[in-house]
Amino acid sequence: MGVSGEIVLTNGQPTIDAGGVVSDNGRMVDRIKIIGFDDGAELKILEGGVFEAGKGAKLLSEQDVQLRQGFLENSNVNSSSEMVQMIQAMRHFESMQKVVQGYDDMVGSAIRKLGDL
């Protein structure tokens, strides 16, 4: 989407500058509409991973934005370290489960011995 509405291109090779201006055959078509949010809590979740802007949405100026054509944004997560942390959490949970089972067995054994008296 552009600032003026939907961006329609006639050429298959548009160019986008760092400020978000879309050009088609050297002719400026529109500027990509980039919105900033004051508070992420104002976003309303719709279907398919789409969000609807709340009251805190504002159009960002060209000075606040830097776009790069042909680049992919990296994830903000290191998948290997997250996997290691997940395995550590799972092992910790399993060990705590064994501690609870051992405690339960001890209590059951103590109750049986008290019943024998």
PDB file of N, CA and C in Angstrom:
ATOM      1  N   MET A   1       0.847  -1.183   0.000  1.00  0.00           N
ATOM      2  CA  MET A   1       0.000   0.000   0.000  1.00  0.00           C
ATOM      3  C   MET A   1       0.886   1.237   0.000  1.00  0.00           C
ATOM      4  N   GLY A   2       0.412   2.212  -0.694  1.00  0.00           N
ATOM      5  CA  GLY A   2       1.111   3.474  -0.739  1.00  0.00           C
ATOM      6  C   GLY A   2       0.404   4.509   0.111  1.00  0.00           C
ATOM      7  N   VAL A   3       1.025   5.650   0.253  1.00  0.00           N
ATOM      8  CA  VAL A   3       0.433   6.747   1.008  1.00  0.00           C
ATOM      9  C   VAL A   3      -0.871   7.200   0.337  1.00  0.00           C
ATOM     10  N   SER A   4      -0.910   7.161  -1.000  1.00  0.00           N
ATOM     11  CA  SER A   4      -2.091   7.598  -1.751  1.00  0.00           C
ATOM     12  C   SER A   4      -3.070   6.470  -2.037  1.00  0.00           C
ATOM     13  N   GLY A   5      -2.779   5.261  -1.591  1.00  0.00           N
ATOM     14  CA  GLY A   5      -3.658   4.111  -1.852  1.00  0.00           C
ATOM     15  C   GLY A   5      -2.861   2.942  -2.399  1.00  0.00           C
ATOM     16  N   GLU A   6      -3.543   2.076  -3.128  1.00  0.00           N
ATOM     17  CA  GLU A   6      -2.897   0.887  -3.671  1.00  0.00           C
ATOM     18  C   GLU A   6      -1.886   1.278  -4.750  1.00  0.00           C
ATOM     19  N   ILE A   7      -0.703   0.643  -4.713  1.00  0.00           N
ATOM     20  CA  ILE A   7       0.346   0.924  -5.694  1.00  0.00           C
ATOM     21  C   ILE A   7       0.146  -0.020  -6.881  1.00  0.00           C
ATOM     22  N   VAL A   8      -0.026   0.565  -8.085  1.00  0.00           N
ATOM     23  CA  VAL A   8      -0.200  -0.211  -9.313  1.00  0.00           C
ATOM     24  C   VAL A   8       1.005   0.051 -10.206  1.00  0.00           C
ATOM     25  N   LEU A   9       1.673  -1.043 -10.612  1.00  0.00           N
ATOM     26  CA  LEU A   9       2.873  -0.932 -11.430  1.00  0.00           C
ATOM     27  C   LEU A   9       2.591  -1.422 -12.844  1.00  0.00           C
ATOM     28  N   THR A  10       3.225  -0.764 -13.822  1.00  0.00           N
ATOM     29  CA  THR A  10       3.081  -1.197 -15.214  1.00  0.00           C
ATOM     30  C   THR A  10       4.291  -2.004 -15.657  1.00  0.00           C
ATOM     31  N   ASN A  11       5.419  -1.802 -15.023  1.00  0.00           N
ATOM     32  CA  ASN A  11       6.656  -2.488 -15.364  1.00  0.00           C
ATOM     33  C   ASN A  11       6.911  -3.586 -14.341  1.00  0.00           C
ATOM     34  N   GLY A  12       7.613  -4.618 -14.737  1.00  0.00           N
ATOM     35  CA  GLY A  12       7.919  -5.709 -13.823  1.00  0.00           C
ATOM     36  C   GLY A  12       9.120  -5.447 -12.942  1.00  0.00           C
ATOM     37  N   GLN A  13       9.831  -4.327 -13.140  1.00  0.00           N
ATOM     38  CA  GLN A  13      11.043  -4.042 -12.384  1.00  0.00           C
ATOM     39  C   GLN A  13      10.957  -2.685 -11.685  1.00  0.00           C
ATOM     40  N   PRO A  14      10.162  -2.558 -10.643  1.00  0.00           N
ATOM     41  CA  PRO A  14      10.113  -1.279  -9.928  1.00  0.00           C
ATOM     42  C   PRO A  14      11.365  -1.095  -9.073  1.00  0.00           C
ATOM     43  N   THR A  15      11.658   0.137  -8.718  1.00  0.00           N
ATOM     44  CA  THR A  15      12.753   0.426  -7.798  1.00  0.00           C
ATOM     45  C   THR A  15      12.182   1.134  -6.579  1.00  0.00           C
ATOM     46  N   ILE A  16      12.813   0.853  -5.424  1.00  0.00           N
ATOM     47  CA  ILE A  16      12.376   1.453  -4.163  1.00  0.00           C
ATOM     48  C   ILE A  16      13.603   2.064  -3.513  1.00  0.00           C
ATOM     49  N   ASP A  17      13.543   3.356  -3.204  1.00  0.00           N
ATOM     50  CA  ASP A  17      14.699   3.991  -2.561  1.00  0.00           C
ATOM     51  C   ASP A  17      14.621   3.836  -1.043  1.00  0.00           C
ATOM     52  N   ALA A  18      15.632   4.343  -0.349  1.00  0.00           N
ATOM     53  CA  ALA A  18      15.731   4.173   1.103  1.00  0.00           C
ATOM     54  C   ALA A  18      14.583   4.840   1.854  1.00  0.00           C
ATOM     55  N   GLY A  19      13.953   5.851   1.266  1.00  0.00           N
ATOM     56  CA  GLY A  19      12.842   6.536   1.899  1.00  0.00           C
ATOM     57  C   GLY A  19      11.497   5.896   1.617  1.00  0.00           C
ATOM     58  N   GLY A  20      11.487   4.841   0.785  1.00  0.00           N
ATOM     59  CA  GLY A  20      10.252   4.137   0.487  1.00  0.00           C
ATOM     60  C   GLY A  20       9.543   4.616  -0.763  1.00  0.00           C
ATOM     61  N   VAL A  21      10.200   5.456  -1.569  1.00  0.00           N
ATOM     62  CA  VAL A  21       9.591   5.956  -2.804  1.00  0.00           C
ATOM     63  C   VAL A  21       9.699   4.880  -3.875  1.00  0.00           C
ATOM     64  N   VAL A  22       8.547   4.505  -4.456  1.00  0.00           N
ATOM     65  CA  VAL A  22       8.482   3.466  -5.487  1.00  0.00           C
ATOM     66  C   VAL A  22       8.473   4.146  -6.846  1.00  0.00           C
ATOM     67  N   SER A  23       9.408   3.731  -7.717  1.00  0.00           N
ATOM     68  CA  SER A  23       9.487   4.274  -9.066  1.00  0.00           C
ATOM     69  C   SER A  23       9.284   3.154 -10.071  1.00  0.00           C
ATOM     70  N   ASP A  24       8.604   3.475 -11.171  1.00  0.00           N
ATOM     71  CA  ASP A  24       8.338   2.520 -12.240  1.00  0.00           C
ATOM     72  C   ASP A  24       8.776   3.168 -13.543  1.00  0.00           C
ATOM     73  N   ASN A  25       9.821   2.622 -14.193  1.00  0.00           N
ATOM     74  CA  ASN A  25      10.404   3.209 -15.409  1.00  0.00           C
ATOM     75  C   ASN A  25      10.883   4.637 -15.173  1.00  0.00           C
ATOM     76  N   GLY A  26      11.474   4.876 -13.992  1.00  0.00           N
ATOM     77  CA  GLY A  26      11.986   6.202 -13.659  1.00  0.00           C
ATOM     78  C   GLY A  26      10.931   7.196 -13.226  1.00  0.00           C
ATOM     79  N   ARG A  27       9.677   6.808 -13.222  1.00  0.00           N
ATOM     80  CA  ARG A  27       8.573   7.693 -12.835  1.00  0.00           C
ATOM     81  C   ARG A  27       8.126   7.331 -11.428  1.00  0.00           C
ATOM     82  N   MET A  28       8.049   8.340 -10.556  1.00  0.00           N
ATOM     83  CA  MET A  28       7.604   8.085  -9.183  1.00  0.00           C
ATOM     84  C   MET A  28       6.131   7.683  -9.190  1.00  0.00           C
ATOM     85  N   VAL A  29       5.850   6.532  -8.556  1.00  0.00           N
ATOM     86  CA  VAL A  29       4.473   6.040  -8.487  1.00  0.00           C
ATOM     87  C   VAL A  29       3.833   6.462  -7.171  1.00  0.00           C
ATOM     88  N   ASP A  30       4.497   6.164  -6.071  1.00  0.00           N
ATOM     89  CA  ASP A  30       3.965   6.478  -4.741  1.00  0.00           C
ATOM     90  C   ASP A  30       5.060   6.194  -3.719  1.00  0.00           C
ATOM     91  N   ARG A  31       4.760   6.450  -2.488  1.00  0.00           N
ATOM     92  CA  ARG A  31       5.664   6.126  -1.373  1.00  0.00           C
ATOM     93  C   ARG A  31       5.001   5.029  -0.548  1.00  0.00           C
ATOM     94  N   ILE A  32       5.785   4.013  -0.171  1.00  0.00           N
ATOM     95  CA  ILE A  32       5.252   2.914   0.628  1.00  0.00           C
ATOM     96  C   ILE A  32       4.767   3.467   1.958  1.00  0.00           C
ATOM     97  N   LYS A  33       3.575   3.059   2.345  1.00  0.00           N
ATOM     98  CA  LYS A  33       2.961   3.537   3.584  1.00  0.00           C
ATOM     99  C   LYS A  33       3.513   2.714   4.747  1.00  0.00           C
ATOM    100  N   ILE A  34       4.337   3.356   5.577  1.00  0.00           N
ATOM    101  CA  ILE A  34       4.928   2.697   6.737  1.00  0.00           C
ATOM    102  C   ILE A  34       4.383   3.373   7.984  1.00  0.00           C
ATOM    103  N   ILE A  35       3.771   2.556   8.817  1.00  0.00           N
ATOM    104  CA  ILE A  35       3.082   3.049  10.005  1.00  0.00           C
ATOM    105  C   ILE A  35       3.870   2.661  11.253  1.00  0.00           C
ATOM    106  N   GLY A  36       3.951   3.565  12.209  1.00  0.00           N
ATOM    107  CA  GLY A  36       4.537   3.292  13.515  1.00  0.00           C
ATOM    108  C   GLY A  36       3.436   3.281  14.563  1.00  0.00           C
ATOM    109  N   PHE A  37       3.682   2.579  15.660  1.00  0.00           N
ATOM    110  CA  PHE A  37       2.678   2.457  16.716  1.00  0.00           C
ATOM    111  C   PHE A  37       3.275   2.906  18.034  1.00  0.00           C
ATOM    112  N   ASP A  38       2.535   3.755  18.747  1.00  0.00           N
ATOM    113  CA  ASP A  38       2.983   4.204  20.066  1.00  0.00           C
ATOM    114  C   ASP A  38       2.932   3.061  21.066  1.00  0.00           C
ATOM    115  N   ASP A  39       1.882   2.269  21.002  1.00  0.00           N
ATOM    116  CA  ASP A  39       1.681   1.185  21.957  1.00  0.00           C
ATOM    117  C   ASP A  39       1.187  -0.040  21.204  1.00  0.00           C
ATOM    118  N   GLY A  40       1.964  -1.117  21.238  1.00  0.00           N
ATOM    119  CA  GLY A  40       1.580  -2.346  20.547  1.00  0.00           C
ATOM    120  C   GLY A  40       0.308  -2.976  21.080  1.00  0.00           C
ATOM    121  N   ALA A  41      -0.090  -2.592  22.291  1.00  0.00           N
ATOM    122  CA  ALA A  41      -1.299  -3.155  22.891  1.00  0.00           C
ATOM    123  C   ALA A  41      -2.554  -2.673  22.175  1.00  0.00           C
ATOM    124  N   GLU A  42      -2.445  -1.586  21.419  1.00  0.00           N
ATOM    125  CA  GLU A  42      -3.594  -1.042  20.707  1.00  0.00           C
ATOM    126  C   GLU A  42      -3.918  -1.825  19.436  1.00  0.00           C
ATOM    127  N   LEU A  43      -3.018  -2.745  19.008  1.00  0.00           N
ATOM    128  CA  LEU A  43      -3.263  -3.511  17.790  1.00  0.00           C
ATOM    129  C   LEU A  43      -4.339  -4.560  18.024  1.00  0.00           C
ATOM    130  N   LYS A  44      -5.220  -4.700  17.059  1.00  0.00           N
ATOM    131  CA  LYS A  44      -6.289  -5.693  17.128  1.00  0.00           C
ATOM    132  C   LYS A  44      -5.930  -6.835  16.177  1.00  0.00           C
ATOM    133  N   ILE A  45      -5.927  -8.069  16.682  1.00  0.00           N
ATOM    134  CA  ILE A  45      -5.548  -9.229  15.876  1.00  0.00           C
ATOM    135  C   ILE A  45      -6.733  -9.656  15.010  1.00  0.00           C
ATOM    136  N   LEU A  46      -6.481  -9.763  13.704  1.00  0.00           N
ATOM    137  CA  LEU A  46      -7.474 -10.254  12.751  1.00  0.00           C
ATOM    138  C   LEU A  46      -7.039 -11.639  12.272  1.00  0.00           C
ATOM    139  N   GLU A  47      -7.738 -12.201  11.302  1.00  0.00           N
ATOM    140  CA  GLU A  47      -7.403 -13.531  10.784  1.00  0.00           C
ATOM    141  C   GLU A  47      -6.114 -13.514   9.971  1.00  0.00           C
ATOM    142  N   GLY A  48      -5.430 -14.672   9.922  1.00  0.00           N
ATOM    143  CA  GLY A  48      -4.282 -14.850   9.047  1.00  0.00           C
ATOM    144  C   GLY A  48      -3.052 -14.052   9.419  1.00  0.00           C
ATOM    145  N   GLY A  49      -2.865 -13.743  10.693  1.00  0.00           N
ATOM    146  CA  GLY A  49      -1.691 -12.989  11.126  1.00  0.00           C
ATOM    147  C   GLY A  49      -1.732 -11.521  10.743  1.00  0.00           C
ATOM    148  N   VAL A  50      -2.897 -10.992  10.506  1.00  0.00           N
ATOM    149  CA  VAL A  50      -3.068  -9.588  10.142  1.00  0.00           C
ATOM    150  C   VAL A  50      -3.515  -8.810  11.369  1.00  0.00           C
ATOM    151  N   PHE A  51      -2.974  -7.600  11.511  1.00  0.00           N
ATOM    152  CA  PHE A  51      -3.324  -6.739  12.626  1.00  0.00           C
ATOM    153  C   PHE A  51      -4.023  -5.493  12.112  1.00  0.00           C
ATOM    154  N   GLU A  52      -4.935  -4.965  12.910  1.00  0.00           N
ATOM    155  CA  GLU A  52      -5.615  -3.717  12.593  1.00  0.00           C
ATOM    156  C   GLU A  52      -5.082  -2.636  13.529  1.00  0.00           C
ATOM    157  N   ALA A  53      -4.797  -1.478  12.962  1.00  0.00           N
ATOM    158  CA  ALA A  53      -4.224  -0.391  13.747  1.00  0.00           C
ATOM    159  C   ALA A  53      -5.246   0.182  14.715  1.00  0.00           C
ATOM    160  N   GLY A  54      -4.766   0.518  15.892  1.00  0.00           N
ATOM    161  CA  GLY A  54      -5.604   1.162  16.887  1.00  0.00           C
ATOM    162  C   GLY A  54      -5.451   2.666  16.813  1.00  0.00           C
ATOM    163  N   LYS A  55      -5.617   3.323  17.951  1.00  0.00           N
ATOM    164  CA  LYS A  55      -5.573   4.783  18.006  1.00  0.00           C
ATOM    165  C   LYS A  55      -4.160   5.339  17.879  1.00  0.00           C
ATOM    166  N   GLY A  56      -3.132   4.571  18.278  1.00  0.00           N
ATOM    167  CA  GLY A  56      -1.771   5.094  18.327  1.00  0.00           C
ATOM    168  C   GLY A  56      -1.002   4.992  17.029  1.00  0.00           C
ATOM    169  N   ALA A  57      -1.651   4.712  15.887  1.00  0.00           N
ATOM    170  CA  ALA A  57      -0.960   4.561  14.613  1.00  0.00           C
ATOM    171  C   ALA A  57      -0.645   5.924  14.008  1.00  0.00           C
ATOM    172  N   LYS A  58       0.583   6.060  13.487  1.00  0.00           N
ATOM    173  CA  LYS A  58       0.954   7.305  12.817  1.00  0.00           C
ATOM    174  C   LYS A  58       1.853   6.984  11.634  1.00  0.00           C
ATOM    175  N   LEU A  59       1.739   7.744  10.569  1.00  0.00           N
ATOM    176  CA  LEU A  59       2.551   7.586   9.373  1.00  0.00           C
ATOM    177  C   LEU A  59       3.958   8.075   9.668  1.00  0.00           C
ATOM    178  N   LEU A  60       4.963   7.260   9.359  1.00  0.00           N
ATOM    179  CA  LEU A  60       6.351   7.637   9.594  1.00  0.00           C
ATOM    180  C   LEU A  60       6.879   8.449   8.420  1.00  0.00           C
ATOM    181  N   SER A  61       7.725   9.416   8.703  1.00  0.00           N
ATOM    182  CA  SER A  61       8.300  10.256   7.648  1.00  0.00           C
ATOM    183  C   SER A  61       9.473   9.540   6.993  1.00  0.00           C
ATOM    184  N   GLU A  62       9.944  10.080   5.865  1.00  0.00           N
ATOM    185  CA  GLU A  62      11.075   9.484   5.144  1.00  0.00           C
ATOM    186  C   GLU A  62      12.333   9.471   6.009  1.00  0.00           C
ATOM    187  N   GLN A  63      12.478  10.427   6.905  1.00  0.00           N
ATOM    188  CA  GLN A  63      13.669  10.491   7.755  1.00  0.00           C
ATOM    189  C   GLN A  63      13.676   9.384   8.812  1.00  0.00           C
ATOM    190  N   ASP A  64      12.491   8.887   9.175  1.00  0.00           N
ATOM    191  CA  ASP A  64      12.384   7.850  10.208  1.00  0.00           C
ATOM    192  C   ASP A  64      12.518   6.441   9.648  1.00  0.00           C
ATOM    193  N   VAL A  65      12.602   6.306   8.310  1.00  0.00           N
ATOM    194  CA  VAL A  65      12.545   5.003   7.670  1.00  0.00           C
ATOM    195  C   VAL A  65      13.779   4.780   6.816  1.00  0.00           C
ATOM    196  N   GLN A  66      14.277   3.545   6.799  1.00  0.00           N
ATOM    197  CA  GLN A  66      15.327   3.150   5.870  1.00  0.00           C
ATOM    198  C   GLN A  66      14.951   1.807   5.279  1.00  0.00           C
ATOM    199  N   LEU A  67      14.622   1.801   3.997  1.00  0.00           N
ATOM    200  CA  LEU A  67      14.276   0.562   3.302  1.00  0.00           C
ATOM    201  C   LEU A  67      15.441   0.138   2.420  1.00  0.00           C
ATOM    202  N   ARG A  68      15.544  -1.152   2.194  1.00  0.00           N
ATOM    203  CA  ARG A  68      16.565  -1.706   1.310  1.00  0.00           C
ATOM    204  C   ARG A  68      15.889  -2.656   0.339  1.00  0.00           C
ATOM    205  N   GLN A  69      15.950  -2.323  -0.943  1.00  0.00           N
ATOM    206  CA  GLN A  69      15.340  -3.172  -1.957  1.00  0.00           C
ATOM    207  C   GLN A  69      16.200  -4.415  -2.172  1.00  0.00           C
ATOM    208  N   GLY A  70      15.557  -5.585  -2.214  1.00  0.00           N
ATOM    209  CA  GLY A  70      16.261  -6.833  -2.486  1.00  0.00           C
ATOM    210  C   GLY A  70      16.848  -7.496  -1.262  1.00  0.00           C
ATOM    211  N   PHE A  71      16.617  -6.970  -0.093  1.00  0.00           N
ATOM    212  CA  PHE A  71      17.138  -7.542   1.139  1.00  0.00           C
ATOM    213  C   PHE A  71      16.015  -8.238   1.899  1.00  0.00           C
ATOM    214  N   LEU A  72      16.366  -9.250   2.671  1.00  0.00           N
ATOM    215  CA  LEU A  72      15.408  -9.914   3.540  1.00  0.00           C
ATOM    216  C   LEU A  72      15.716  -9.544   4.972  1.00  0.00           C
ATOM    217  N   GLU A  73      14.686  -9.329   5.754  1.00  0.00           N
ATOM    218  CA  GLU A  73      14.873  -9.006   7.165  1.00  0.00           C
ATOM    219  C   GLU A  73      15.211 -10.285   7.924  1.00  0.00           C
ATOM    220  N   ASN A  74      16.217 -10.216   8.748  1.00  0.00           N
ATOM    221  CA  ASN A  74      16.589 -11.373   9.561  1.00  0.00           C
ATOM    222  C   ASN A  74      15.644 -11.529  10.733  1.00  0.00           C
ATOM    223  N   SER A  75      15.585 -12.737  11.223  1.00  0.00           N
ATOM    224  CA  SER A  75      14.795 -13.001  12.409  1.00  0.00           C
ATOM    225  C   SER A  75      15.490 -12.385  13.611  1.00  0.00           C
ATOM    226  N   ASN A  76      14.720 -12.011  14.617  1.00  0.00           N
ATOM    227  CA  ASN A  76      15.314 -11.473  15.833  1.00  0.00           C
ATOM    228  C   ASN A  76      15.542 -12.573  16.863  1.00  0.00           C
ATOM    229  N   VAL A  77      15.562 -13.836  16.383  1.00  0.00           N
ATOM    230  CA  VAL A  77      15.741 -14.985  17.264  1.00  0.00           C
ATOM    231  C   VAL A  77      16.882 -15.836  16.737  1.00  0.00           C
ATOM    232  N   ASN A  78      17.737 -16.301  17.641  1.00  0.00           N
ATOM    233  CA  ASN A  78      18.784 -17.258  17.284  1.00  0.00           C
ATOM    234  C   ASN A  78      18.213 -18.644  17.526  1.00  0.00           C
ATOM    235  N   SER A  79      17.862 -19.353  16.453  1.00  0.00           N
ATOM    236  CA  SER A  79      17.132 -20.618  16.591  1.00  0.00           C
ATOM    237  C   SER A  79      17.923 -21.677  17.343  1.00  0.00           C
ATOM    238  N   SER A  80      19.238 -21.748  17.150  1.00  0.00           N
ATOM    239  CA  SER A  80      20.009 -22.784  17.854  1.00  0.00           C
ATOM    240  C   SER A  80      20.049 -22.521  19.359  1.00  0.00           C
ATOM    241  N   SER A  81      20.222 -21.275  19.776  1.00  0.00           N
ATOM    242  CA  SER A  81      20.239 -21.011  21.224  1.00  0.00           C
ATOM    243  C   SER A  81      18.853 -21.209  21.825  1.00  0.00           C
ATOM    244  N   GLU A  82      17.796 -20.876  21.068  1.00  0.00           N
ATOM    245  CA  GLU A  82      16.433 -21.110  21.562  1.00  0.00           C
ATOM    246  C   GLU A  82      16.158 -22.602  21.718  1.00  0.00           C
ATOM    247  N   MET A  83      16.665 -23.426  20.803  1.00  0.00           N
ATOM    248  CA  MET A  83      16.499 -24.881  20.915  1.00  0.00           C
ATOM    249  C   MET A  83      17.230 -25.397  22.150  1.00  0.00           C
ATOM    250  N   VAL A  84      18.449 -24.904  22.393  1.00  0.00           N
ATOM    251  CA  VAL A  84      19.217 -25.324  23.568  1.00  0.00           C
ATOM    252  C   VAL A  84      18.466 -24.946  24.840  1.00  0.00           C
ATOM    253  N   GLN A  85      17.929 -23.740  24.890  1.00  0.00           N
ATOM    254  CA  GLN A  85      17.175 -23.310  26.067  1.00  0.00           C
ATOM    255  C   GLN A  85      15.911 -24.143  26.258  1.00  0.00           C
ATOM    256  N   MET A  86      15.262 -24.511  25.162  1.00  0.00           N
ATOM    257  CA  MET A  86      14.061 -25.338  25.257  1.00  0.00           C
ATOM    258  C   MET A  86      14.408 -26.733  25.782  1.00  0.00           C
ATOM    259  N   ILE A  87      15.520 -27.304  25.307  1.00  0.00           N
ATOM    260  CA  ILE A  87      15.950 -28.620  25.795  1.00  0.00           C
ATOM    261  C   ILE A  87      16.315 -28.539  27.268  1.00  0.00           C
ATOM    262  N   GLN A  88      17.004 -27.472  27.677  1.00  0.00           N
ATOM    263  CA  GLN A  88      17.344 -27.296  29.086  1.00  0.00           C
ATOM    264  C   GLN A  88      16.087 -27.188  29.939  1.00  0.00           C
ATOM    265  N   ALA A  89      15.109 -26.443  29.476  1.00  0.00           N
ATOM    266  CA  ALA A  89      13.859 -26.304  30.227  1.00  0.00           C
ATOM    267  C   ALA A  89      13.144 -27.648  30.325  1.00  0.00           C
ATOM    268  N   MET A  90      13.150 -28.420  29.243  1.00  0.00           N
ATOM    269  CA  MET A  90      12.499 -29.725  29.253  1.00  0.00           C
ATOM    270  C   MET A  90      13.199 -30.671  30.236  1.00  0.00           C
ATOM    271  N   ARG A  91      14.526 -30.678  30.237  1.00  0.00           N
ATOM    272  CA  ARG A  91      15.276 -31.537  31.177  1.00  0.00           C
ATOM    273  C   ARG A  91      15.055 -31.097  32.610  1.00  0.00           C
ATOM    274  N   HIS A  92      14.998 -29.809  32.848  1.00  0.00           N
ATOM    275  CA  HIS A  92      14.727 -29.308  34.193  1.00  0.00           C
ATOM    276  C   HIS A  92      13.335 -29.746  34.640  1.00  0.00           C
ATOM    277  N   PHE A  93      12.352 -29.634  33.751  1.00  0.00           N
ATOM    278  CA  PHE A  93      10.995 -30.073  34.071  1.00  0.00           C
ATOM    279  C   PHE A  93      10.969 -31.561  34.401  1.00  0.00           C
ATOM    280  N   GLU A  94      11.676 -32.383  33.596  1.00  0.00           N
ATOM    281  CA  GLU A  94      11.716 -33.827  33.839  1.00  0.00           C
ATOM    282  C   GLU A  94      12.361 -34.141  35.184  1.00  0.00           C
ATOM    283  N   SER A  95      13.445 -33.443  35.532  1.00  0.00           N
ATOM    284  CA  SER A  95      14.106 -33.707  36.815  1.00  0.00           C
ATOM    285  C   SER A  95      13.210 -33.290  37.981  1.00  0.00           C
ATOM    286  N   MET A  96      12.498 -32.168  37.832  1.00  0.00           N
ATOM    287  CA  MET A  96      11.580 -31.747  38.889  1.00  0.00           C
ATOM    288  C   MET A  96      10.408 -32.721  39.013  1.00  0.00           C
ATOM    289  N   GLN A  97       9.986 -33.293  37.906  1.00  0.00           N
ATOM    290  CA  GLN A  97       8.920 -34.294  37.921  1.00  0.00           C
ATOM    291  C   GLN A  97       9.383 -35.535  38.685  1.00  0.00           C
ATOM    292  N   LYS A  98      10.641 -35.937  38.487  1.00  0.00           N
ATOM    293  CA  LYS A  98      11.187 -37.090  39.210  1.00  0.00           C
ATOM    294  C   LYS A  98      11.289 -36.791  40.703  1.00  0.00           C
ATOM    295  N   VAL A  99      11.650 -35.565  41.070  1.00  0.00           N
ATOM    296  CA  VAL A  99      11.714 -35.188  42.480  1.00  0.00           C
ATOM    297  C   VAL A  99      10.329 -35.293  43.110  1.00  0.00           C
ATOM    298  N   VAL A 100       9.315 -34.802  42.427  1.00  0.00           N
ATOM    299  CA  VAL A 100       7.947 -34.867  42.946  1.00  0.00           C
ATOM    300  C   VAL A 100       7.503 -36.315  43.072  1.00  0.00           C
ATOM    301  N   GLN A 101       7.828 -37.155  42.093  1.00  0.00           N
ATOM    302  CA  GLN A 101       7.470 -38.570  42.172  1.00  0.00           C
ATOM    303  C   GLN A 101       8.170 -39.247  43.351  1.00  0.00           C
ATOM    304  N   GLY A 102       9.463 -38.923  43.560  1.00  0.00           N
ATOM    305  CA  GLY A 102      10.195 -39.484  44.701  1.00  0.00           C
ATOM    306  C   GLY A 102       9.581 -39.049  46.017  1.00  0.00           C
ATOM    307  N   TYR A 103       9.204 -37.771  46.120  1.00  0.00           N
ATOM    308  CA  TYR A 103       8.565 -37.273  47.329  1.00  0.00           C
ATOM    309  C   TYR A 103       7.226 -37.968  47.551  1.00  0.00           C
ATOM    310  N   ASP A 104       6.458 -38.166  46.491  1.00  0.00           N
ATOM    311  CA  ASP A 104       5.175 -38.841  46.583  1.00  0.00           C
ATOM    312  C   ASP A 104       5.367 -40.290  47.042  1.00  0.00           C
ATOM    313  N   ASP A 105       6.380 -40.952  46.524  1.00  0.00           N
ATOM    314  CA  ASP A 105       6.674 -42.325  46.958  1.00  0.00           C
ATOM    315  C   ASP A 105       7.057 -42.369  48.431  1.00  0.00           C
ATOM    316  N   MET A 106       7.856 -41.382  48.882  1.00  0.00           N
ATOM    317  CA  MET A 106       8.250 -41.329  50.291  1.00  0.00           C
ATOM    318  C   MET A 106       7.034 -41.135  51.189  1.00  0.00           C
ATOM    319  N   VAL A 107       6.145 -40.226  50.812  1.00  0.00           N
ATOM    320  CA  VAL A 107       4.943 -39.979  51.604  1.00  0.00           C
ATOM    321  C   VAL A 107       4.066 -41.230  51.620  1.00  0.00           C
ATOM    322  N   GLY A 108       3.920 -41.895  50.483  1.00  0.00           N
ATOM    323  CA  GLY A 108       3.143 -43.130  50.431  1.00  0.00           C
ATOM    324  C   GLY A 108       3.736 -44.203  51.289  1.00  0.00           C
ATOM    325  N   SER A 109       5.044 -44.348  51.294  1.00  0.00           N
ATOM    326  CA  SER A 109       5.727 -45.331  52.122  1.00  0.00           C
ATOM    327  C   SER A 109       5.551 -45.006  53.609  1.00  0.00           C
ATOM    328  N   ALA A 110       5.649 -43.736  53.963  1.00  0.00           N
ATOM    329  CA  ALA A 110       5.464 -43.338  55.366  1.00  0.00           C
ATOM    330  C   ALA A 110       4.043 -43.608  55.817  1.00  0.00           C
ATOM    331  N   ILE A 111       3.070 -43.363  54.976  1.00  0.00           N
ATOM    332  CA  ILE A 111       1.673 -43.626  55.340  1.00  0.00           C
ATOM    333  C   ILE A 111       1.446 -45.122  55.525  1.00  0.00           C
ATOM    334  N   ARG A 112       2.034 -45.962  54.689  1.00  0.00           N
ATOM    335  CA  ARG A 112       1.900 -47.414  54.829  1.00  0.00           C
ATOM    336  C   ARG A 112       2.526 -47.901  56.131  1.00  0.00           C
ATOM    337  N   LYS A 113       3.692 -47.363  56.473  1.00  0.00           N
ATOM    338  CA  LYS A 113       4.357 -47.780  57.703  1.00  0.00           C
ATOM    339  C   LYS A 113       3.568 -47.334  58.921  1.00  0.00           C
ATOM    340  N   LEU A 114       2.970 -46.112  58.854  1.00  0.00           N
ATOM    341  CA  LEU A 114       2.135 -45.678  59.973  1.00  0.00           C
ATOM    342  C   LEU A 114       0.896 -46.545  60.102  1.00  0.00           C
ATOM    343  N   GLY A 115       0.375 -47.036  58.990  1.00  0.00           N
ATOM    344  CA  GLY A 115      -0.786 -47.917  59.025  1.00  0.00           C
ATOM    345  C   GLY A 115      -0.459 -49.263  59.638  1.00  0.00           C
ATOM    346  N   ASP A 116       0.793 -49.722  59.553  1.00  0.00           N
ATOM    347  CA  ASP A 116       1.209 -50.988  60.131  1.00  0.00           C
ATOM    348  C   ASP A 116       1.308 -50.911  61.659  1.00  0.00           C
ATOM    349  N   LEU A 117       1.511 -49.725  62.185  1.00  0.00           N
ATOM    350  CA  LEU A 117       1.631 -49.584  63.647  1.00  0.00           C
ATOM    351  C   LEU A 117       0.320 -49.692  64.255  1.00  0.00           C
TER     352      LEU A 117
END
